[in-house]
Protein backbone atom coordinates (compact mmCIF):
# COMPACT_ATOMS: atom_id res chain seq x y z
CA MET A 1 -24.78 15.19 -12.39
CA ALA A 2 -23.71 12.45 -14.56
CA HIS A 3 -20.35 10.80 -13.85
CA PRO A 4 -17.69 10.33 -15.93
CA THR A 5 -17.07 7.15 -18.15
CA ALA A 6 -14.30 5.22 -19.17
CA GLN A 7 -13.35 4.69 -22.96
CA ILE A 8 -12.78 0.70 -22.55
CA ASN A 9 -11.95 -1.32 -25.17
CA PRO A 10 -14.83 -3.96 -24.70
CA ALA A 11 -12.31 -6.50 -26.62
CA MET A 12 -9.83 -5.48 -23.64
CA LEU A 13 -12.47 -6.41 -20.92
CA HIS A 14 -13.25 -9.92 -22.61
CA TRP A 15 -9.55 -10.34 -22.95
CA ALA A 16 -9.26 -9.63 -19.28
CA ARG A 17 -12.29 -11.94 -18.29
CA SER A 18 -10.47 -14.78 -20.17
CA ARG A 19 -7.41 -14.27 -18.48
CA VAL A 20 -8.50 -15.19 -15.20
CA GLY A 21 -10.86 -17.60 -16.51
CA PHE A 22 -14.11 -16.06 -15.21
CA ASP A 23 -17.04 -16.09 -16.95
CA VAL A 24 -19.47 -13.38 -17.07
CA PRO A 25 -21.31 -13.93 -14.52
CA GLU A 26 -18.40 -14.85 -12.28
CA ALA A 27 -16.62 -11.41 -13.13
CA ALA A 28 -19.73 -9.51 -13.24
CA SER A 29 -20.15 -10.94 -8.76
CA ALA A 30 -16.27 -10.72 -8.61
CA ALA A 31 -17.07 -6.50 -9.53
CA GLY A 32 -19.87 -6.16 -8.16
CA VAL A 33 -22.19 -5.50 -11.19
CA LYS A 34 -25.37 -7.24 -12.58
CA PRO A 35 -24.50 -10.21 -15.39
CA GLU A 36 -26.20 -7.90 -17.18
CA GLN A 37 -24.61 -5.00 -17.27
CA PHE A 38 -21.02 -6.75 -17.21
CA ALA A 39 -22.14 -8.57 -21.09
CA ARG A 40 -23.34 -5.10 -21.95
CA TRP A 41 -20.05 -3.69 -21.31
CA GLU A 42 -18.13 -6.48 -23.09
CA ALA A 43 -20.45 -6.35 -26.28
CA GLY A 44 -19.35 -2.69 -26.48
CA GLU A 45 -23.33 -1.48 -25.35
CA GLY A 46 -22.62 0.97 -23.01
CA LEU A 47 -19.67 2.18 -20.96
CA PRO A 48 -19.00 1.69 -17.30
CA THR A 49 -18.11 4.89 -15.14
CA PHE A 50 -14.34 5.18 -13.98
CA ARG A 51 -14.99 3.69 -10.38
CA GLN A 52 -16.74 0.84 -11.89
CA ALA A 53 -13.58 0.41 -14.05
CA GLN A 54 -11.63 0.35 -11.42
CA ASN A 55 -13.55 -1.99 -9.56
CA VAL A 56 -13.36 -4.50 -12.73
CA ALA A 57 -9.60 -4.07 -13.25
CA GLN A 58 -9.01 -5.40 -9.23
CA ALA A 59 -11.11 -7.92 -9.80
CA LEU A 60 -10.16 -9.84 -12.62
CA HIS A 61 -6.49 -8.96 -11.34
CA ALA A 62 -5.35 -6.70 -14.05
CA PRO A 63 -3.87 -3.15 -14.98
CA PHE A 64 -6.62 -0.85 -14.81
CA GLY A 65 -4.33 0.63 -18.35
CA PHE A 66 -4.42 -2.47 -20.02
CA LEU A 67 -8.54 -1.60 -20.34
CA PHE A 68 -7.85 0.76 -22.69
CA LEU A 69 -5.57 -0.38 -24.87
CA GLN A 70 -5.87 -0.96 -28.61
CA GLN A 71 -5.12 -4.67 -28.45
CA ALA A 72 -3.62 -7.25 -25.79
CA PRO A 73 -0.13 -6.90 -24.96
CA VAL A 74 2.38 -9.60 -25.31
CA GLU A 75 2.76 -10.98 -21.75
CA PRO A 76 6.61 -13.12 -22.00
CA PRO A 77 6.82 -15.66 -19.00
CA LEU A 78 8.67 -14.59 -16.05
CA LEU A 79 10.06 -17.67 -15.39
CA PRO A 80 10.67 -20.70 -17.81
CA ASP A 81 7.96 -23.20 -17.91
CA LEU A 82 9.34 -26.88 -17.19
CA ARG A 83 5.65 -28.65 -16.51
CA THR A 84 4.51 -31.16 -18.86
CA VAL A 85 1.80 -33.66 -18.97
CA GLY A 86 1.82 -36.79 -20.34
CA GLY A 87 5.21 -35.26 -22.30
CA ALA A 88 3.28 -32.51 -23.67
CA PRO A 89 3.50 -28.92 -22.66
CA VAL A 90 0.65 -27.61 -20.21
CA ASP A 91 -1.65 -24.48 -20.59
CA ARG A 92 0.18 -20.84 -20.19
CA PRO A 93 0.39 -20.15 -16.39
CA SER A 94 -2.78 -19.09 -14.72
CA VAL A 95 -3.17 -15.43 -13.25
CA ASN A 96 -2.50 -16.31 -9.55
CA LEU A 97 0.50 -18.12 -10.53
CA ILE A 98 1.44 -14.99 -12.64
CA ASP A 99 1.59 -12.92 -10.13
CA ALA A 100 3.17 -15.04 -7.34
CA VAL A 101 6.45 -15.27 -9.22
CA LYS A 102 6.15 -11.84 -9.83
CA ALA A 103 5.55 -11.40 -6.02
CA THR A 104 8.57 -13.95 -5.33
CA LEU A 105 11.18 -12.05 -8.15
CA GLN A 106 10.13 -8.31 -6.51
CA ARG A 107 11.19 -9.73 -2.87
CA GLN A 108 14.13 -11.30 -4.40
CA ALA A 109 15.39 -8.43 -6.10
CA TRP A 110 15.40 -6.51 -3.29
CA PHE A 111 16.94 -8.81 -1.42
CA ILE A 112 19.76 -9.00 -4.35
CA GLU A 113 20.36 -5.35 -3.89
CA TYR A 114 20.68 -5.46 0.16
CA LEU A 115 22.84 -8.77 -0.03
CA GLN A 116 25.23 -6.62 -2.95
CA GLU A 117 25.42 -3.61 -0.26
CA GLN A 118 26.61 -5.69 2.25
CA GLY A 119 29.53 -7.25 0.06
CA VAL A 120 28.65 -10.90 0.50
CA GLN A 121 29.86 -12.89 -1.87
CA PRO A 122 28.61 -15.58 -4.46
CA LEU A 123 26.95 -19.04 -2.77
CA PRO A 124 29.71 -21.50 -4.41
CA PHE A 125 27.11 -24.60 -4.93
CA VAL A 126 24.12 -22.43 -7.32
CA GLY A 127 25.18 -24.00 -10.48
CA ARG A 128 27.46 -26.58 -9.41
CA PHE A 129 26.19 -29.38 -11.81
CA THR A 130 24.89 -29.78 -14.68
CA VAL A 131 22.25 -32.71 -15.75
CA ALA A 132 24.65 -34.69 -16.84
CA ALA A 133 26.42 -35.51 -13.39
CA SER A 134 25.71 -38.31 -11.30
CA VAL A 135 22.44 -37.78 -9.48
CA LYS A 136 24.20 -39.69 -6.44
CA ALA A 137 26.90 -37.42 -6.12
CA VAL A 138 23.92 -33.85 -6.71
CA ALA A 139 22.22 -35.30 -3.83
CA ALA A 140 25.54 -35.95 -1.38
CA ASP A 141 26.75 -31.87 -2.09
CA ILE A 142 23.32 -30.75 -1.17
CA ARG A 143 23.47 -33.25 1.90
CA ALA A 144 27.14 -31.89 2.67
CA VAL A 145 26.24 -28.23 2.29
CA ILE A 146 23.16 -28.39 4.74
CA GLY A 147 24.66 -30.16 6.52
CA PHE A 148 22.63 -33.26 6.76
CA ASP A 149 23.78 -37.00 7.14
CA ILE A 150 21.58 -40.14 5.83
CA GLU A 151 18.14 -40.31 8.50
CA GLN A 152 18.09 -43.22 10.60
CA GLY A 153 14.34 -42.45 11.48
CA GLN A 154 14.50 -40.55 14.81
CA ARG A 155 12.63 -37.46 13.63
CA GLN A 156 9.06 -36.86 12.28
CA TRP A 157 8.87 -36.44 9.10
CA ASP A 158 7.39 -32.56 9.72
CA GLU A 159 10.19 -32.13 12.06
CA TYR A 160 12.42 -33.59 9.62
CA GLN A 161 11.13 -30.62 6.81
CA ARG A 162 11.23 -28.00 9.03
CA GLU A 163 15.01 -28.48 9.89
CA LEU A 164 15.71 -29.45 5.58
CA ILE A 165 13.97 -25.50 5.70
CA GLN A 166 15.84 -24.11 8.10
CA ALA A 167 19.45 -25.58 6.92
CA ALA A 168 18.48 -24.57 3.44
CA GLU A 169 17.87 -20.63 4.79
CA ARG A 170 21.60 -20.82 6.99
CA THR A 171 23.21 -21.71 3.68
CA GLY A 172 22.00 -18.55 1.83
CA ILE A 173 18.98 -19.94 -0.05
CA LEU A 174 15.71 -18.26 0.39
CA VAL A 175 12.59 -20.73 1.13
CA MET A 176 9.29 -19.30 0.61
CA ARG A 177 6.09 -21.13 1.05
CA SER A 178 1.89 -19.94 0.45
CA GLY A 179 -0.39 -21.36 -1.02
CA ILE A 180 -2.64 -18.12 -1.83
CA VAL A 181 -1.73 -15.12 -3.63
CA GLY A 182 -0.40 -12.38 -1.17
CA ASN A 183 -2.94 -12.37 1.73
CA ASN A 184 -5.66 -13.02 -0.46
CA THR A 185 -7.18 -16.08 0.52
CA ARG A 186 -9.80 -16.07 -2.59
CA ARG A 187 -6.72 -16.30 -4.53
CA LYS A 188 -5.69 -20.00 -4.01
CA LEU A 189 -2.96 -21.39 -5.89
CA ASP A 190 -3.97 -24.80 -7.75
CA VAL A 191 -1.84 -27.44 -7.01
CA SER A 192 -2.89 -29.62 -10.10
CA GLU A 193 -1.36 -26.42 -12.11
CA PHE A 194 2.25 -26.09 -10.38
CA ARG A 195 3.91 -27.66 -6.44
CA GLY A 196 6.91 -25.28 -6.99
CA PHE A 197 9.24 -23.38 -8.56
CA ALA A 198 12.93 -21.95 -8.22
CA ILE A 199 14.69 -18.66 -8.88
CA SER A 200 18.11 -19.61 -9.27
CA HIS A 201 20.39 -16.76 -8.41
CA ALA A 202 24.47 -16.69 -7.63
CA LEU A 203 23.21 -14.73 -4.91
CA ALA A 204 19.81 -15.14 -3.50
CA PRO A 205 18.73 -18.02 -4.77
CA VAL A 206 14.72 -18.67 -4.17
CA VAL A 207 12.85 -22.00 -3.76
CA PHE A 208 8.79 -21.44 -4.14
CA VAL A 209 6.63 -24.25 -2.62
CA ASN A 210 2.83 -24.37 -2.71
CA SER A 211 1.79 -25.09 0.43
CA ALA A 212 -1.53 -25.96 -0.96
CA ASP A 213 -0.27 -29.19 -1.21
CA ALA A 214 -0.46 -31.86 0.78
CA PRO A 215 2.29 -31.69 3.43
CA THR A 216 3.10 -34.95 3.17
CA ALA A 217 4.48 -33.97 -0.50
CA ARG A 218 5.85 -30.70 0.38
CA LEU A 219 9.27 -32.48 1.36
CA PHE A 220 9.35 -33.99 -1.79
CA THR A 221 9.19 -30.72 -3.71
CA LEU A 222 11.39 -28.89 -1.00
CA MET A 223 14.34 -30.82 -2.16
CA HIS A 224 12.68 -31.25 -6.27
CA GLU A 225 13.53 -27.19 -5.84
CA LEU A 226 16.41 -27.14 -4.24
CA ALA A 227 18.27 -29.66 -7.07
CA HIS A 228 17.26 -26.61 -9.09
CA ILE A 229 19.23 -24.27 -7.66
CA TRP A 230 22.09 -26.91 -7.77
CA ILE A 231 22.10 -27.53 -11.82
CA GLY A 232 21.37 -23.82 -11.95
CA SER A 233 18.60 -23.85 -13.12
CA SER A 234 15.01 -21.88 -12.94
CA GLY A 235 11.50 -22.77 -13.59
CA ILE A 236 8.11 -23.66 -12.76
CA SER A 237 7.62 -27.29 -11.79
CA ASN A 238 4.84 -29.34 -10.92
CA VAL A 239 6.87 -32.29 -9.65
CA SER A 240 5.01 -35.17 -11.58
CA PRO A 241 5.89 -38.17 -12.51
CA ASP A 242 4.52 -37.75 -15.62
CA ASN A 243 7.13 -35.36 -16.29
CA SER A 244 9.09 -35.98 -19.25
CA ARG A 245 11.30 -32.88 -19.50
CA ARG A 246 15.25 -34.29 -18.55
CA GLU A 247 15.79 -31.44 -15.79
CA GLU A 248 12.31 -32.08 -14.21
CA VAL A 249 13.30 -36.13 -14.31
CA PHE A 250 16.90 -35.03 -13.12
CA CYS A 251 15.47 -33.05 -10.12
CA ASN A 252 13.00 -35.72 -9.12
CA ALA A 253 15.91 -38.40 -9.23
CA VAL A 254 17.98 -36.06 -6.70
CA ALA A 255 15.12 -35.47 -4.74
CA GLY A 256 14.38 -38.87 -4.57
CA GLU A 257 18.28 -39.69 -3.86
CA PHE A 258 18.48 -37.41 -1.30
CA LEU A 259 15.48 -38.60 0.86
CA ALA A 260 15.81 -42.19 0.46
CA PRO A 261 19.43 -43.28 -0.89
CA SER A 262 18.52 -46.16 -3.36
CA GLU A 263 20.67 -48.98 -2.43
CA MET A 264 19.65 -48.58 0.71
CA PHE A 265 15.91 -48.30 0.08
CA LEU A 266 15.97 -51.17 -2.46
CA ALA A 267 17.79 -52.96 0.26
CA LEU A 268 15.37 -52.08 3.00
CA TRP A 269 12.41 -52.93 0.93
CA ASN A 270 13.74 -56.61 -0.66
CA ALA A 271 14.45 -57.74 3.28
CA SER A 272 10.97 -56.98 4.62
CA THR A 273 7.99 -60.03 4.06
CA GLN A 274 5.85 -57.64 5.04
CA ASP A 275 2.90 -56.50 2.32
CA VAL A 276 2.92 -53.32 0.65
CA PRO A 277 1.18 -50.99 3.38
CA VAL A 278 3.39 -52.50 6.63
CA ARG A 279 6.79 -52.39 4.28
CA LEU A 280 5.67 -48.46 3.33
CA SER A 281 5.40 -47.36 6.78
CA GLU A 282 8.42 -49.18 7.82
CA LEU A 283 10.52 -47.53 5.36
CA ALA A 284 8.53 -44.12 6.00
CA ARG A 285 10.03 -44.74 10.01
CA ARG A 286 13.17 -45.79 8.48
CA PHE A 287 13.97 -42.72 6.41
CA HIS A 288 12.08 -40.34 8.80
CA VAL A 289 9.77 -38.74 5.55
CA SER A 290 6.07 -39.24 4.66
CA THR A 291 4.50 -42.60 3.49
CA MET A 292 4.08 -40.11 0.82
CA VAL A 293 7.43 -39.63 -0.17
CA VAL A 294 8.45 -43.71 0.26
CA MET A 295 5.25 -44.23 -2.39
CA ARG A 296 7.01 -41.44 -4.56
CA ARG A 297 10.89 -43.47 -4.20
CA ALA A 298 8.96 -46.57 -4.61
CA LEU A 299 7.31 -45.73 -8.05
CA ASP A 300 10.78 -43.99 -9.35
CA LEU A 301 12.43 -47.53 -8.24
CA GLY A 302 9.84 -49.32 -10.63
CA LEU A 303 8.35 -50.90 -7.04
CA LEU A 304 5.30 -49.58 -7.20
CA THR A 305 2.47 -48.71 -10.47
CA ARG A 306 2.04 -45.31 -11.38
CA ASP A 307 -1.61 -45.97 -10.84
CA THR A 308 -1.19 -47.00 -7.03
CA TYR A 309 0.65 -43.99 -6.44
CA ASN A 310 -1.62 -41.82 -7.82
CA GLU A 311 -4.51 -42.89 -6.05
CA PHE A 312 -2.26 -42.36 -3.10
CA TYR A 313 -1.41 -38.95 -3.41
CA LEU A 314 -4.87 -38.11 -4.62
CA ALA A 315 -6.35 -39.56 -1.50
CA GLU A 316 -3.63 -38.03 0.59
CA LEU A 317 -4.69 -34.32 -1.27
CA GLN A 318 -8.49 -35.03 -0.24
CA ARG A 319 -7.61 -35.83 3.53
CA TYR A 320 -6.02 -32.86 3.86
CA ARG A 321 -8.09 -30.34 2.15
CA GLN A 322 -10.77 -32.00 4.37
CA ALA A 323 -8.83 -31.72 7.82
CA GLU A 324 -7.58 -28.25 6.70
CA LYS A 325 -8.23 -25.35 9.46
CA LYS A 326 -8.77 -22.08 8.30
CA GLY A 327 -6.88 -19.66 9.98
CA GLY A 328 -3.94 -20.37 11.72
CA SER A 329 -1.20 -17.80 13.08
CA PHE A 330 -0.86 -14.71 11.01
CA TYR A 331 2.70 -14.09 11.53
CA ARG A 332 3.74 -17.29 11.65
CA ASN A 333 2.41 -17.70 7.84
CA ALA A 334 3.69 -14.70 6.95
CA GLY A 335 6.67 -15.91 7.89
CA SER A 336 6.69 -18.72 5.54
CA LYS A 337 5.50 -17.06 2.82
CA ASN A 338 8.37 -14.54 3.09
CA SER A 339 11.50 -16.63 4.19
CA THR A 340 12.87 -16.27 7.04
CA ARG A 341 15.55 -14.71 6.42
CA PHE A 342 14.86 -12.32 4.07
CA ALA A 343 12.20 -11.03 6.44
CA LYS A 344 14.50 -10.89 8.87
CA ALA A 345 16.33 -8.99 6.22
CA VAL A 346 13.73 -6.47 5.78
CA VAL A 347 12.37 -6.19 9.49
CA ALA A 348 16.34 -5.07 10.39
CA GLU A 349 16.65 -2.48 7.83
CA ALA A 350 13.39 -1.73 9.08
CA PHE A 351 14.49 -0.77 11.89
CA SER A 352 17.43 0.44 12.02
CA GLY A 353 15.63 3.72 9.87
CA ARG A 354 17.35 2.46 6.34
CA MET A 355 13.49 1.67 5.34
CA LEU A 356 10.83 2.84 5.84
CA LEU A 357 7.87 0.59 7.71
CA ARG A 358 5.80 1.50 5.00
CA ASP A 359 8.03 -0.36 2.12
CA ALA A 360 9.15 -3.11 5.02
CA GLY A 361 5.25 -3.69 5.27
CA LYS A 362 4.46 -3.89 1.06
CA LEU A 363 7.70 -6.25 1.25
CA LEU A 364 6.21 -8.12 3.99
CA GLY A 365 2.63 -8.21 2.77
CA ILE A 366 1.87 -7.19 6.14
CA GLN A 367 0.50 -3.65 7.49
CA PRO A 368 3.64 -1.31 9.04
CA ALA A 369 1.75 -1.27 12.10
CA MET A 370 2.24 -5.09 12.63
CA ILE A 371 5.57 -5.29 11.52
CA ARG A 372 6.59 -5.16 15.37
CA THR A 373 4.67 -7.66 16.41
CA PHE A 374 5.99 -9.37 13.47
CA ALA A 375 9.34 -9.21 14.18
CA GLU A 376 8.65 -10.42 17.83
CA GLN A 377 7.53 -13.76 16.32
CA LEU A 378 10.49 -14.21 14.39
CA GLY A 379 12.81 -13.87 17.43
CA THR A 380 14.67 -10.50 16.02
């Protein structure tokens, strides 16, 4: 008995493949068919079965119904795209980035509704400043709101980053970190495409940090995205020193001023008689940030060349990729991906019976049967 065929539009099949940046062999491999077969479908020489068409849509991360459309849908940007390279806008976001933003927006929407039901008041610091404000004033206000004094070097940079995230969440900001789309380790988020994004909202602002980036670079991205919240600006960032957009230049400056205040940094830099590598290490210890952040601060203050900084950053990213361990704690990663604040709210609703475990699992990106173990890891 012949299986019924799906009357897909070959042009839409080509669009779906191009949208994810696959060539024919890559698309065929992902869909589990031979390249020759896929090429025939795309040329309009034959049709797939419904099962094959569903597999193709899933492999290309496209809604199944899109394959039957007469023309490609217009996909409006989910967030303002603030990325530039050399002052020019970059290519449209990849499907992986789009899907990461969609998932984050869905989580934020649920949390906003949850907070509204709780009668929570708007956060006063969201959008408190504009890009016309003093960089030092904004950095000082972030410091005051989250409760962090200027650092004296008593902690390591990774501990500092962890405590900053916890402090930001206590103030009402959702901090989400992931290097993949959902739980799909094959769908890695490309750090060369974006380093993070911010979604400003008076009740539930979100910052997302691409954890595919070198750990030592994530701290600067975190502070850059927090600066976006303070000026009430949403957008996708590449945190590049080459970015000439006013918002991005401003948020880079705020991040640098928060992590290493310019007056103190310049005084310490100029007082040192050591060569540059030793001087970088000294300042990293003093501000308990990574050498990567000190390099970035020195670049922004005109103390290092861009070529020197870029060379150091690429070497740091390469070291991280080589040393990266596969796996790790699924539950810890799930907490980071969702934001601890958000995850605890979802778990509480599930355990109270106000939300089905199935729905909670879908929001958290974990199996319903794992929620209790996940909750224990969260300490709820």
